[in-house]
Amino acid sequence: MLTIKIFPGIALPRADLPQASCGENPIVRPVSRSRPRLRECCTFTPHAKPSYIARGPPSGMSLADLILPVLIALAIGFALGFFFVKAQISAIEARYRAELEMWKSEAASGIRKDSVNRSRSTLKGKIAEQMAPLLPEFAFNPADARFIGSPVDYIIFDGLTDVADEKTKEIRIIFMDVKQGTGTLSRTQRVIRDAVLAKQVGWETLRVACE
């Protein structure tokens, strides 16, 4: 194999110069100033093919020896990922549980307030129903009113006191229901009202046998 060595200050020989054979000194010629000088010693080997060395596992280790550490690393990675995701889920659940408890406490407070308000309103309505004959808006003699509570509040026998005192012989019978504020009649009360206005009113006498 022919090897040509180049030293600092020495240029490569041209193609027309005779080549040195093995064992002889290489043919060199001075380098002109116009050509760049080589600052390092280079070795050229004509017709040399590059060789590649395949690197395998370190000596003394087989493929089976490498699989076990890889499997262990994967198992550790999966375990760490599992615990990380579980911790995140637990944190999210704890946060939403705290928000739910806070909403429950606020809702319970609102429900209690609403219940108290409804109870007060109902109590005021009951008191108003019982005290209606004493109110200035009541246009009848309180002694003629009879409280029944359901399905209407009062049946008023208008003029009953005068009949008892023999001042008159005629009375009117009036069905009355007391509402507070913007309250409206129930469906049953509307049916009763329509029947009274349509004069669907009668009289029955029930005689019970005495033993």
N, C-alpha and C. Protein backbone atom coordinates (compact mmCIF):
# COMPACT_ATOMS: atom_id res chain seq x y z
N MET A 1 0.88 -1.19 0.00
CA MET A 1 0.00 0.00 0.00
C MET A 1 0.89 1.22 0.00
N LEU A 2 0.60 2.22 -0.86
CA LEU A 2 1.42 3.42 -1.01
C LEU A 2 0.91 4.47 -0.07
N THR A 3 1.79 5.03 0.73
CA THR A 3 1.45 6.10 1.68
C THR A 3 2.29 7.31 1.38
N ILE A 4 1.64 8.45 1.25
CA ILE A 4 2.33 9.70 0.98
C ILE A 4 2.20 10.57 2.20
N LYS A 5 3.26 11.02 2.75
CA LYS A 5 3.28 11.86 3.94
C LYS A 5 3.60 13.29 3.56
N ILE A 6 2.82 14.21 4.14
CA ILE A 6 3.00 15.63 3.86
C ILE A 6 3.42 16.30 5.16
N PHE A 7 4.50 17.05 5.14
CA PHE A 7 5.01 17.76 6.30
C PHE A 7 4.80 19.25 6.11
N PRO A 8 4.85 20.02 7.20
CA PRO A 8 4.69 21.48 7.05
C PRO A 8 5.68 22.03 6.04
N GLY A 9 5.16 22.86 5.17
CA GLY A 9 6.01 23.47 4.17
C GLY A 9 6.18 22.61 2.93
N ILE A 10 5.54 21.41 2.88
CA ILE A 10 5.69 20.50 1.75
C ILE A 10 4.34 20.34 1.08
N ALA A 11 4.27 20.47 -0.24
CA ALA A 11 3.03 20.35 -1.00
C ALA A 11 2.90 18.96 -1.58
N LEU A 12 1.69 18.57 -1.92
CA LEU A 12 1.45 17.28 -2.54
C LEU A 12 2.07 17.26 -3.94
N PRO A 13 2.62 16.14 -4.37
CA PRO A 13 3.19 16.06 -5.74
C PRO A 13 2.10 16.08 -6.76
N ARG A 14 2.41 16.59 -7.93
CA ARG A 14 1.45 16.62 -9.01
C ARG A 14 1.31 15.23 -9.62
N ALA A 15 0.29 15.10 -10.44
CA ALA A 15 0.01 13.77 -11.02
C ALA A 15 1.06 13.33 -12.01
N ASP A 16 1.82 14.32 -12.67
CA ASP A 16 2.78 13.95 -13.70
C ASP A 16 4.11 13.52 -13.14
N LEU A 17 4.30 13.67 -11.80
CA LEU A 17 5.56 13.28 -11.21
C LEU A 17 5.56 11.79 -10.97
N PRO A 18 6.67 11.18 -11.04
CA PRO A 18 6.74 9.73 -10.76
C PRO A 18 6.44 9.47 -9.30
N GLN A 19 5.68 8.37 -9.06
CA GLN A 19 5.30 8.01 -7.71
C GLN A 19 6.40 7.18 -7.08
N ALA A 20 6.52 7.38 -5.77
CA ALA A 20 7.53 6.61 -5.04
C ALA A 20 7.02 5.23 -4.79
N SER A 21 7.87 4.32 -4.90
CA SER A 21 7.52 2.93 -4.63
C SER A 21 7.72 2.64 -3.17
N CYS A 22 7.28 1.46 -2.77
CA CYS A 22 7.39 1.09 -1.35
C CYS A 22 8.84 1.00 -0.97
N GLY A 23 9.18 1.59 0.16
CA GLY A 23 10.56 1.56 0.65
C GLY A 23 11.36 2.75 0.23
N GLU A 24 10.90 3.54 -0.78
CA GLU A 24 11.63 4.72 -1.22
C GLU A 24 11.10 5.96 -0.54
N ASN A 25 11.89 6.99 -0.61
CA ASN A 25 11.47 8.27 -0.03
C ASN A 25 10.42 8.91 -0.91
N PRO A 26 9.39 9.55 -0.35
CA PRO A 26 8.37 10.19 -1.19
C PRO A 26 8.96 11.34 -1.99
N ILE A 27 8.39 11.55 -3.18
CA ILE A 27 8.84 12.64 -4.06
C ILE A 27 8.13 13.88 -3.64
N VAL A 28 8.86 14.90 -3.34
CA VAL A 28 8.30 16.17 -2.89
C VAL A 28 8.91 17.28 -3.69
N ARG A 29 8.26 18.41 -3.67
CA ARG A 29 8.80 19.61 -4.30
C ARG A 29 8.42 20.79 -3.45
N PRO A 30 9.20 21.79 -3.52
CA PRO A 30 8.89 22.97 -2.66
C PRO A 30 7.54 23.56 -3.03
N VAL A 31 6.91 24.08 -2.05
CA VAL A 31 5.60 24.71 -2.23
C VAL A 31 5.79 26.16 -2.58
N SER A 32 5.09 26.59 -3.61
CA SER A 32 5.17 28.00 -3.99
C SER A 32 4.46 28.84 -2.96
N ARG A 33 4.81 30.14 -2.96
CA ARG A 33 4.21 31.05 -1.98
C ARG A 33 2.71 31.26 -2.22
N SER A 34 2.27 31.01 -3.47
CA SER A 34 0.86 31.26 -3.77
C SER A 34 -0.05 30.18 -3.22
N ARG A 35 0.52 29.04 -2.89
CA ARG A 35 -0.31 27.96 -2.38
C ARG A 35 -0.32 27.98 -0.85
N PRO A 36 -1.47 27.69 -0.29
CA PRO A 36 -1.51 27.67 1.19
C PRO A 36 -0.69 26.52 1.72
N ARG A 37 -0.07 26.75 2.83
CA ARG A 37 0.75 25.73 3.46
C ARG A 37 -0.08 24.91 4.44
N LEU A 38 0.28 23.65 4.47
CA LEU A 38 -0.39 22.78 5.44
C LEU A 38 0.33 22.89 6.77
N ARG A 39 -0.43 23.17 7.81
CA ARG A 39 0.16 23.38 9.13
C ARG A 39 0.24 22.10 9.96
N GLU A 40 -0.38 21.03 9.48
CA GLU A 40 -0.35 19.79 10.24
C GLU A 40 0.16 18.67 9.34
N CYS A 41 0.68 17.71 9.96
CA CYS A 41 1.17 16.54 9.23
C CYS A 41 0.00 15.63 8.93
N CYS A 42 -0.19 15.37 7.65
CA CYS A 42 -1.32 14.53 7.25
C CYS A 42 -0.79 13.29 6.59
N THR A 43 -1.50 12.22 6.71
CA THR A 43 -1.13 10.94 6.10
C THR A 43 -2.26 10.51 5.18
N PHE A 44 -1.89 10.29 3.94
CA PHE A 44 -2.87 9.87 2.95
C PHE A 44 -2.54 8.47 2.50
N THR A 45 -3.53 7.69 2.41
CA THR A 45 -3.35 6.31 1.93
C THR A 45 -4.22 6.13 0.70
N PRO A 46 -3.62 6.10 -0.49
CA PRO A 46 -4.42 5.94 -1.71
C PRO A 46 -5.15 4.60 -1.72
N HIS A 47 -6.33 4.65 -2.34
CA HIS A 47 -7.15 3.46 -2.54
C HIS A 47 -7.52 2.78 -1.23
N ALA A 48 -7.54 3.57 -0.14
CA ALA A 48 -7.92 2.98 1.16
C ALA A 48 -9.42 3.13 1.36
N LYS A 49 -10.11 2.10 1.74
CA LYS A 49 -11.55 2.12 1.98
C LYS A 49 -11.82 2.30 3.45
N PRO A 50 -12.78 3.17 3.78
CA PRO A 50 -13.07 3.37 5.21
C PRO A 50 -13.67 2.12 5.80
N SER A 51 -13.30 1.86 7.00
CA SER A 51 -13.81 0.69 7.71
C SER A 51 -14.68 1.14 8.86
N TYR A 52 -15.76 0.44 9.10
CA TYR A 52 -16.70 0.75 10.18
C TYR A 52 -16.73 -0.41 11.16
N ILE A 53 -16.72 -0.05 12.40
CA ILE A 53 -16.74 -1.06 13.46
C ILE A 53 -18.11 -1.04 14.10
N ALA A 54 -18.84 -2.10 14.03
CA ALA A 54 -20.17 -2.20 14.65
C ALA A 54 -20.01 -2.33 16.15
N ARG A 55 -20.65 -1.38 16.86
CA ARG A 55 -20.57 -1.39 18.32
C ARG A 55 -21.80 -2.12 18.88
N GLY A 56 -21.65 -3.07 19.63
CA GLY A 56 -22.71 -3.83 20.26
C GLY A 56 -22.75 -3.54 21.75
N PRO A 57 -23.44 -4.34 22.48
CA PRO A 57 -23.49 -4.14 23.92
C PRO A 57 -22.13 -4.35 24.53
N PRO A 58 -21.88 -3.76 25.68
CA PRO A 58 -20.59 -3.93 26.34
C PRO A 58 -20.27 -5.40 26.52
N SER A 59 -18.99 -5.64 26.53
CA SER A 59 -18.55 -7.03 26.66
C SER A 59 -19.04 -7.61 27.97
N GLY A 60 -19.50 -8.83 27.93
CA GLY A 60 -19.97 -9.50 29.13
C GLY A 60 -21.45 -9.32 29.38
N MET A 61 -22.22 -8.48 28.56
CA MET A 61 -23.66 -8.24 28.74
C MET A 61 -24.41 -8.77 27.52
N SER A 62 -25.46 -9.54 27.77
CA SER A 62 -26.28 -10.08 26.70
C SER A 62 -27.56 -9.25 26.57
N LEU A 63 -28.36 -9.56 25.57
CA LEU A 63 -29.63 -8.85 25.35
C LEU A 63 -30.60 -9.07 26.51
N ALA A 64 -30.59 -10.24 27.06
CA ALA A 64 -31.47 -10.52 28.21
C ALA A 64 -31.09 -9.66 29.41
N ASP A 65 -29.76 -9.38 29.56
CA ASP A 65 -29.33 -8.54 30.67
C ASP A 65 -29.80 -7.10 30.50
N LEU A 66 -30.00 -6.64 29.27
CA LEU A 66 -30.48 -5.28 29.04
C LEU A 66 -32.00 -5.18 29.18
N ILE A 67 -32.73 -6.24 28.88
CA ILE A 67 -34.19 -6.18 28.94
C ILE A 67 -34.68 -5.96 30.35
N LEU A 68 -34.06 -6.63 31.32
CA LEU A 68 -34.52 -6.51 32.71
C LEU A 68 -34.44 -5.09 33.24
N PRO A 69 -33.31 -4.35 33.07
CA PRO A 69 -33.30 -2.95 33.55
C PRO A 69 -34.31 -2.07 32.83
N VAL A 70 -34.52 -2.32 31.54
CA VAL A 70 -35.51 -1.52 30.80
C VAL A 70 -36.91 -1.76 31.35
N LEU A 71 -37.25 -3.02 31.60
CA LEU A 71 -38.56 -3.33 32.16
C LEU A 71 -38.74 -2.72 33.55
N ILE A 72 -37.70 -2.74 34.35
CA ILE A 72 -37.77 -2.14 35.68
C ILE A 72 -37.98 -0.64 35.58
N ALA A 73 -37.26 0.01 34.65
CA ALA A 73 -37.43 1.46 34.46
C ALA A 73 -38.83 1.79 33.99
N LEU A 74 -39.38 0.98 33.07
CA LEU A 74 -40.75 1.23 32.62
C LEU A 74 -41.76 1.05 33.74
N ALA A 75 -41.56 0.02 34.55
CA ALA A 75 -42.47 -0.22 35.67
C ALA A 75 -42.43 0.94 36.66
N ILE A 76 -41.24 1.44 36.95
CA ILE A 76 -41.11 2.57 37.87
C ILE A 76 -41.78 3.81 37.28
N GLY A 77 -41.60 4.02 35.95
CA GLY A 77 -42.23 5.17 35.31
C GLY A 77 -43.74 5.09 35.36
N PHE A 78 -44.30 3.91 35.08
CA PHE A 78 -45.75 3.75 35.15
C PHE A 78 -46.26 3.96 36.57
N ALA A 79 -45.52 3.44 37.55
CA ALA A 79 -45.95 3.61 38.95
C ALA A 79 -45.94 5.07 39.35
N LEU A 80 -44.88 5.80 38.97
CA LEU A 80 -44.82 7.22 39.30
C LEU A 80 -45.94 7.99 38.61
N GLY A 81 -46.20 7.65 37.33
CA GLY A 81 -47.29 8.32 36.62
C GLY A 81 -48.64 8.04 37.25
N PHE A 82 -48.85 6.78 37.67
CA PHE A 82 -50.12 6.42 38.31
C PHE A 82 -50.34 7.20 39.59
N PHE A 83 -49.30 7.25 40.43
CA PHE A 83 -49.44 7.97 41.71
C PHE A 83 -49.60 9.47 41.48
N PHE A 84 -48.95 10.00 40.44
CA PHE A 84 -49.09 11.44 40.15
C PHE A 84 -50.52 11.75 39.72
N VAL A 85 -51.07 10.94 38.80
CA VAL A 85 -52.44 11.16 38.35
C VAL A 85 -53.43 10.98 39.50
N LYS A 86 -53.20 9.99 40.34
CA LYS A 86 -54.08 9.76 41.48
C LYS A 86 -54.05 10.94 42.44
N ALA A 87 -52.86 11.49 42.66
CA ALA A 87 -52.76 12.67 43.54
C ALA A 87 -53.49 13.86 42.94
N GLN A 88 -53.39 14.04 41.63
CA GLN A 88 -54.10 15.14 40.99
C GLN A 88 -55.61 14.97 41.11
N ILE A 89 -56.09 13.74 40.89
CA ILE A 89 -57.53 13.48 40.99
C ILE A 89 -58.02 13.72 42.42
N SER A 90 -57.22 13.28 43.39
CA SER A 90 -57.61 13.50 44.79
C SER A 90 -57.67 14.98 45.12
N ALA A 91 -56.72 15.76 44.61
CA ALA A 91 -56.73 17.20 44.86
C ALA A 91 -57.95 17.86 44.24
N ILE A 92 -58.31 17.43 43.01
CA ILE A 92 -59.49 18.00 42.35
C ILE A 92 -60.76 17.63 43.11
N GLU A 93 -60.85 16.36 43.54
CA GLU A 93 -62.02 15.94 44.30
C GLU A 93 -62.14 16.72 45.61
N ALA A 94 -61.01 16.93 46.29
CA ALA A 94 -61.05 17.68 47.55
C ALA A 94 -61.50 19.11 47.32
N ARG A 95 -61.04 19.72 46.23
CA ARG A 95 -61.44 21.11 45.95
C ARG A 95 -62.93 21.20 45.67
N TYR A 96 -63.45 20.30 44.82
CA TYR A 96 -64.87 20.36 44.50
C TYR A 96 -65.73 19.95 45.69
N ARG A 97 -65.20 19.06 46.54
CA ARG A 97 -65.95 18.70 47.75
C ARG A 97 -66.07 19.90 48.68
N ALA A 98 -64.98 20.66 48.80
CA ALA A 98 -65.03 21.86 49.63
C ALA A 98 -66.00 22.89 49.06
N GLU A 99 -65.98 23.06 47.73
CA GLU A 99 -66.93 24.00 47.11
C GLU A 99 -68.37 23.53 47.31
N LEU A 100 -68.60 22.20 47.24
CA LEU A 100 -69.95 21.68 47.45
C LEU A 100 -70.42 21.92 48.87
N GLU A 101 -69.53 21.70 49.85
CA GLU A 101 -69.91 21.95 51.24
C GLU A 101 -70.22 23.43 51.47
N MET A 102 -69.42 24.30 50.82
CA MET A 102 -69.68 25.73 50.96
C MET A 102 -71.03 26.09 50.35
N TRP A 103 -71.33 25.51 49.17
CA TRP A 103 -72.63 25.78 48.54
C TRP A 103 -73.77 25.25 49.41
N LYS A 104 -73.57 24.08 50.01
CA LYS A 104 -74.60 23.52 50.87
C LYS A 104 -74.90 24.42 52.05
N SER A 105 -73.82 24.93 52.67
CA SER A 105 -74.03 25.81 53.83
C SER A 105 -74.75 27.09 53.42
N GLU A 106 -74.34 27.66 52.26
CA GLU A 106 -75.02 28.87 51.81
C GLU A 106 -76.47 28.58 51.42
N ALA A 107 -76.69 27.44 50.73
CA ALA A 107 -78.05 27.10 50.34
C ALA A 107 -78.92 26.80 51.56
N ALA A 108 -78.33 26.12 52.56
CA ALA A 108 -79.09 25.82 53.77
C ALA A 108 -79.49 27.10 54.49
N SER A 109 -78.56 28.07 54.52
CA SER A 109 -78.89 29.35 55.14
C SER A 109 -80.03 30.04 54.39
N GLY A 110 -79.95 30.01 53.05
CA GLY A 110 -81.03 30.61 52.26
C GLY A 110 -82.35 29.89 52.43
N ILE A 111 -82.28 28.54 52.50
CA ILE A 111 -83.51 27.77 52.68
C ILE A 111 -84.13 28.07 54.04
N ARG A 112 -83.28 28.18 55.07
CA ARG A 112 -83.81 28.51 56.39
C ARG A 112 -84.47 29.88 56.40
N LYS A 113 -83.82 30.83 55.74
CA LYS A 113 -84.41 32.17 55.68
C LYS A 113 -85.74 32.15 54.93
N ASP A 114 -85.77 31.42 53.80
CA ASP A 114 -87.01 31.34 53.03
C ASP A 114 -88.10 30.64 53.84
N SER A 115 -87.71 29.59 54.56
CA SER A 115 -88.70 28.88 55.38
C SER A 115 -89.25 29.78 56.47
N VAL A 116 -88.35 30.55 57.10
CA VAL A 116 -88.81 31.47 58.15
C VAL A 116 -89.75 32.52 57.56
N ASN A 117 -89.37 33.04 56.37
CA ASN A 117 -90.22 34.05 55.74
C ASN A 117 -91.58 33.47 55.38
N ARG A 118 -91.58 32.22 54.84
CA ARG A 118 -92.85 31.59 54.51
C ARG A 118 -93.69 31.34 55.76
N SER A 119 -93.01 30.91 56.82
CA SER A 119 -93.75 30.67 58.06
C SER A 119 -94.35 31.96 58.59
N ARG A 120 -93.57 33.03 58.51
CA ARG A 120 -94.11 34.31 58.96
C ARG A 120 -95.29 34.74 58.10
N SER A 121 -95.14 34.56 56.77
CA SER A 121 -96.23 34.94 55.88
C SER A 121 -97.48 34.11 56.16
N THR A 122 -97.28 32.79 56.36
CA THR A 122 -98.43 31.93 56.66
C THR A 122 -99.08 32.31 57.97
N LEU A 123 -98.23 32.60 58.97
CA LEU A 123 -98.78 32.99 60.27
C LEU A 123 -99.55 34.30 60.19
N LYS A 124 -98.98 35.24 59.43
CA LYS A 124 -99.69 36.51 59.26
C LYS A 124 -101.02 36.30 58.54
N GLY A 125 -101.01 35.39 57.55
CA GLY A 125 -102.25 35.10 56.84
C GLY A 125 -103.30 34.48 57.74
N LYS A 126 -102.86 33.55 58.61
CA LYS A 126 -103.80 32.92 59.54
C LYS A 126 -104.37 33.95 60.52
N ILE A 127 -103.49 34.82 60.98
CA ILE A 127 -103.96 35.86 61.91
C ILE A 127 -104.94 36.79 61.20
N ALA A 128 -104.60 37.15 59.95
CA ALA A 128 -105.49 38.04 59.20
C ALA A 128 -106.84 37.37 58.96
N GLU A 129 -106.83 36.07 58.71
CA GLU A 129 -108.10 35.37 58.50
C GLU A 129 -108.96 35.40 59.77
N GLN A 130 -108.31 35.18 60.89
CA GLN A 130 -109.08 35.15 62.13
C GLN A 130 -109.53 36.55 62.56
N MET A 131 -108.70 37.54 62.25
CA MET A 131 -109.01 38.91 62.69
C MET A 131 -109.75 39.72 61.64
N ALA A 132 -110.08 39.11 60.50
CA ALA A 132 -110.72 39.86 59.42
C ALA A 132 -112.00 40.58 59.86
N PRO A 133 -112.88 39.96 60.65
CA PRO A 133 -114.11 40.69 61.04
C PRO A 133 -113.85 41.94 61.86
N LEU A 134 -112.65 42.07 62.44
CA LEU A 134 -112.34 43.24 63.25
C LEU A 134 -111.65 44.34 62.45
N LEU A 135 -111.33 44.05 61.21
CA LEU A 135 -110.63 45.04 60.39
C LEU A 135 -111.61 46.07 59.85
N PRO A 136 -111.10 47.30 59.60
CA PRO A 136 -111.99 48.34 59.05
C PRO A 136 -112.54 47.98 57.68
N GLU A 137 -111.81 47.14 56.92
CA GLU A 137 -112.26 46.78 55.58
C GLU A 137 -113.44 45.80 55.60
N PHE A 138 -113.72 45.19 56.74
CA PHE A 138 -114.81 44.21 56.82
C PHE A 138 -116.14 44.96 56.84
N ALA A 139 -116.96 44.76 55.80
CA ALA A 139 -118.18 45.57 55.60
C ALA A 139 -119.43 44.95 56.21
N PHE A 140 -119.25 43.92 57.01
CA PHE A 140 -120.42 43.25 57.57
C PHE A 140 -120.33 43.26 59.10
N ASN A 141 -121.44 42.88 59.71
CA ASN A 141 -121.46 42.79 61.16
C ASN A 141 -120.62 41.58 61.58
N PRO A 142 -119.59 41.77 62.38
CA PRO A 142 -118.76 40.63 62.78
C PRO A 142 -119.56 39.51 63.44
N ALA A 143 -120.68 39.83 64.08
CA ALA A 143 -121.49 38.79 64.72
C ALA A 143 -122.18 37.90 63.70
N ASP A 144 -122.29 38.36 62.47
CA ASP A 144 -122.96 37.57 61.44
C ASP A 144 -121.99 36.64 60.71
N ALA A 145 -120.69 36.76 60.97
CA ALA A 145 -119.67 35.98 60.26
C ALA A 145 -119.38 34.69 61.01
N ARG A 146 -119.22 33.61 60.26
CA ARG A 146 -118.85 32.33 60.83
C ARG A 146 -117.58 31.83 60.13
N PHE A 147 -116.56 31.62 60.90
CA PHE A 147 -115.28 31.17 60.34
C PHE A 147 -115.30 29.65 60.19
N ILE A 148 -115.04 29.16 58.98
CA ILE A 148 -114.96 27.72 58.75
C ILE A 148 -113.56 27.30 58.29
N GLY A 149 -112.76 28.22 57.74
CA GLY A 149 -111.36 27.94 57.40
C GLY A 149 -111.15 27.26 56.07
N SER A 150 -111.93 26.25 55.72
CA SER A 150 -111.76 25.51 54.48
C SER A 150 -113.12 24.99 54.02
N PRO A 151 -113.40 25.02 52.74
CA PRO A 151 -112.55 25.49 51.64
C PRO A 151 -112.52 27.00 51.49
N VAL A 152 -113.44 27.70 52.17
CA VAL A 152 -113.37 29.16 52.22
C VAL A 152 -113.27 29.56 53.69
N ASP A 153 -112.91 30.81 53.91
CA ASP A 153 -112.68 31.24 55.30
C ASP A 153 -113.98 31.51 56.05
N TYR A 154 -114.91 32.20 55.41
CA TYR A 154 -116.11 32.65 56.14
C TYR A 154 -117.37 32.37 55.34
N ILE A 155 -118.43 32.09 56.10
CA ILE A 155 -119.80 32.18 55.58
C ILE A 155 -120.48 33.28 56.40
N ILE A 156 -120.92 34.28 55.71
CA ILE A 156 -121.52 35.44 56.39
C ILE A 156 -123.03 35.41 56.17
N PHE A 157 -123.74 35.41 57.28
CA PHE A 157 -125.21 35.49 57.23
C PHE A 157 -125.58 36.96 57.48
N ASP A 158 -125.49 37.71 56.42
CA ASP A 158 -125.68 39.17 56.53
C ASP A 158 -127.12 39.48 56.97
N GLY A 159 -127.27 40.17 58.09
CA GLY A 159 -128.59 40.52 58.62
C GLY A 159 -129.10 39.54 59.66
N LEU A 160 -128.28 38.54 60.02
CA LEU A 160 -128.73 37.54 60.98
C LEU A 160 -128.98 38.16 62.35
N THR A 161 -128.16 39.09 62.73
CA THR A 161 -128.35 39.75 64.03
C THR A 161 -129.65 40.54 64.05
N ASP A 162 -129.97 41.20 62.95
CA ASP A 162 -131.23 41.96 62.89
C ASP A 162 -132.43 41.01 62.90
N VAL A 163 -132.30 39.84 62.29
CA VAL A 163 -133.40 38.87 62.32
C VAL A 163 -133.60 38.38 63.75
N ALA A 164 -132.49 38.15 64.47
CA ALA A 164 -132.61 37.70 65.86
C ALA A 164 -133.27 38.78 66.72
N ASP A 165 -133.02 40.01 66.39
CA ASP A 165 -133.62 41.11 67.14
C ASP A 165 -134.99 41.50 66.59
N GLU A 166 -135.46 40.71 65.62
CA GLU A 166 -136.75 40.93 64.98
C GLU A 166 -136.84 42.31 64.33
N LYS A 167 -135.74 42.75 63.80
CA LYS A 167 -135.73 44.02 63.09
C LYS A 167 -135.97 43.84 61.60
N THR A 168 -135.70 42.67 61.11
CA THR A 168 -135.90 42.36 59.70
C THR A 168 -136.16 40.88 59.56
N LYS A 169 -136.65 40.49 58.35
CA LYS A 169 -136.95 39.09 58.09
C LYS A 169 -136.12 38.52 56.95
N GLU A 170 -135.25 39.29 56.39
CA GLU A 170 -134.47 38.85 55.24
C GLU A 170 -132.97 38.93 55.56
N ILE A 171 -132.25 37.97 55.03
CA ILE A 171 -130.78 37.97 55.16
C ILE A 171 -130.16 37.57 53.82
N ARG A 172 -128.88 37.80 53.71
CA ARG A 172 -128.10 37.33 52.55
C ARG A 172 -127.02 36.38 53.07
N ILE A 173 -126.75 35.37 52.28
CA ILE A 173 -125.67 34.44 52.64
C ILE A 173 -124.50 34.69 51.70
N ILE A 174 -123.35 34.95 52.26
CA ILE A 174 -122.16 35.33 51.49
C ILE A 174 -121.00 34.40 51.86
N PHE A 175 -120.36 33.89 50.83
CA PHE A 175 -119.13 33.11 51.01
C PHE A 175 -117.94 34.05 50.85
N MET A 176 -117.05 34.04 51.79
CA MET A 176 -115.91 34.97 51.75
C MET A 176 -114.62 34.21 52.04
N ASP A 177 -113.58 34.59 51.30
CA ASP A 177 -112.24 34.07 51.56
C ASP A 177 -111.28 35.25 51.72
N VAL A 178 -110.44 35.20 52.70
CA VAL A 178 -109.52 36.30 52.99
C VAL A 178 -108.18 36.02 52.34
N LYS A 179 -107.68 36.99 51.57
CA LYS A 179 -106.37 36.87 50.92
C LYS A 179 -105.51 38.06 51.33
N GLN A 180 -104.23 37.78 51.48
CA GLN A 180 -103.29 38.83 51.87
C GLN A 180 -102.48 39.27 50.66
N GLY A 181 -102.36 40.58 50.48
CA GLY A 181 -101.57 41.10 49.36
C GLY A 181 -102.18 40.76 48.03
N THR A 182 -101.34 40.13 47.17
CA THR A 182 -101.77 39.79 45.81
C THR A 182 -102.18 38.32 45.70
N GLY A 183 -102.59 37.71 46.80
CA GLY A 183 -102.99 36.31 46.78
C GLY A 183 -104.21 36.09 45.89
N THR A 184 -104.29 34.92 45.29
CA THR A 184 -105.40 34.59 44.38
C THR A 184 -106.15 33.38 44.91
N LEU A 185 -107.34 33.17 44.39
CA LEU A 185 -108.15 32.03 44.78
C LEU A 185 -107.57 30.74 44.22
N SER A 186 -107.75 29.69 44.98
CA SER A 186 -107.35 28.38 44.49
C SER A 186 -108.39 27.87 43.49
N ARG A 187 -108.07 26.75 42.84
CA ARG A 187 -109.00 26.20 41.85
C ARG A 187 -110.33 25.82 42.52
N THR A 188 -110.26 25.20 43.69
CA THR A 188 -111.48 24.80 44.41
C THR A 188 -112.32 26.02 44.78
N GLN A 189 -111.64 27.06 45.23
CA GLN A 189 -112.38 28.28 45.61
C GLN A 189 -113.01 28.94 44.40
N ARG A 190 -112.37 28.87 43.25
CA ARG A 190 -112.97 29.45 42.04
C ARG A 190 -114.23 28.67 41.63
N VAL A 191 -114.19 27.35 41.78
CA VAL A 191 -115.37 26.54 41.46
C VAL A 191 -116.52 26.89 42.38
N ILE A 192 -116.23 27.06 43.68
CA ILE A 192 -117.28 27.45 44.63
C ILE A 192 -117.83 28.83 44.29
N ARG A 193 -116.97 29.75 43.96
CA ARG A 193 -117.42 31.09 43.57
C ARG A 193 -118.35 31.05 42.37
N ASP A 194 -117.95 30.27 41.33
CA ASP A 194 -118.78 30.19 40.13
C ASP A 194 -120.15 29.57 40.44
N ALA A 195 -120.16 28.57 41.33
CA ALA A 195 -121.44 27.94 41.68
C ALA A 195 -122.35 28.91 42.42
N VAL A 196 -121.79 29.72 43.31
CA VAL A 196 -122.60 30.70 44.04
C VAL A 196 -123.12 31.76 43.10
N LEU A 197 -122.27 32.26 42.19
CA LEU A 197 -122.72 33.28 41.24
C LEU A 197 -123.75 32.74 40.28
N ALA A 198 -123.70 31.45 39.98
CA ALA A 198 -124.70 30.84 39.10
C ALA A 198 -125.95 30.42 39.87
N LYS A 199 -126.00 30.76 41.12
CA LYS A 199 -127.14 30.44 41.99
C LYS A 199 -127.39 28.94 42.13
N GLN A 200 -126.26 28.19 42.07
CA GLN A 200 -126.35 26.76 42.29
C GLN A 200 -126.27 26.50 43.80
N VAL A 201 -127.22 27.03 44.51
CA VAL A 201 -127.24 26.94 45.97
C VAL A 201 -128.60 26.36 46.38
N GLY A 202 -128.59 25.43 47.26
CA GLY A 202 -129.83 24.81 47.70
C GLY A 202 -129.86 24.63 49.21
N TRP A 203 -130.96 24.01 49.63
CA TRP A 203 -131.15 23.77 51.07
C TRP A 203 -131.59 22.34 51.27
N GLU A 204 -130.99 21.69 52.24
CA GLU A 204 -131.36 20.32 52.58
C GLU A 204 -131.50 20.20 54.09
N THR A 205 -132.53 19.44 54.50
CA THR A 205 -132.73 19.16 55.92
C THR A 205 -132.55 17.67 56.16
N LEU A 206 -131.61 17.36 57.00
CA LEU A 206 -131.34 15.96 57.31
C LEU A 206 -131.94 15.62 58.67
N ARG A 207 -132.83 14.67 58.64
CA ARG A 207 -133.45 14.22 59.88
C ARG A 207 -132.86 12.88 60.29
N VAL A 208 -132.39 12.84 61.47
CA VAL A 208 -131.76 11.66 62.02
C VAL A 208 -132.74 10.99 62.98
N ALA A 209 -132.92 9.69 62.76
CA ALA A 209 -133.86 8.96 63.63
C ALA A 209 -133.29 8.84 65.03
N CYS A 210 -134.10 9.06 65.98
CA CYS A 210 -133.70 8.96 67.38
C CYS A 210 -134.17 7.61 67.93
N GLU A 211 -133.33 6.93 68.59
CA GLU A 211 -133.70 5.64 69.18
C GLU A 211 -134.08 5.81 70.65
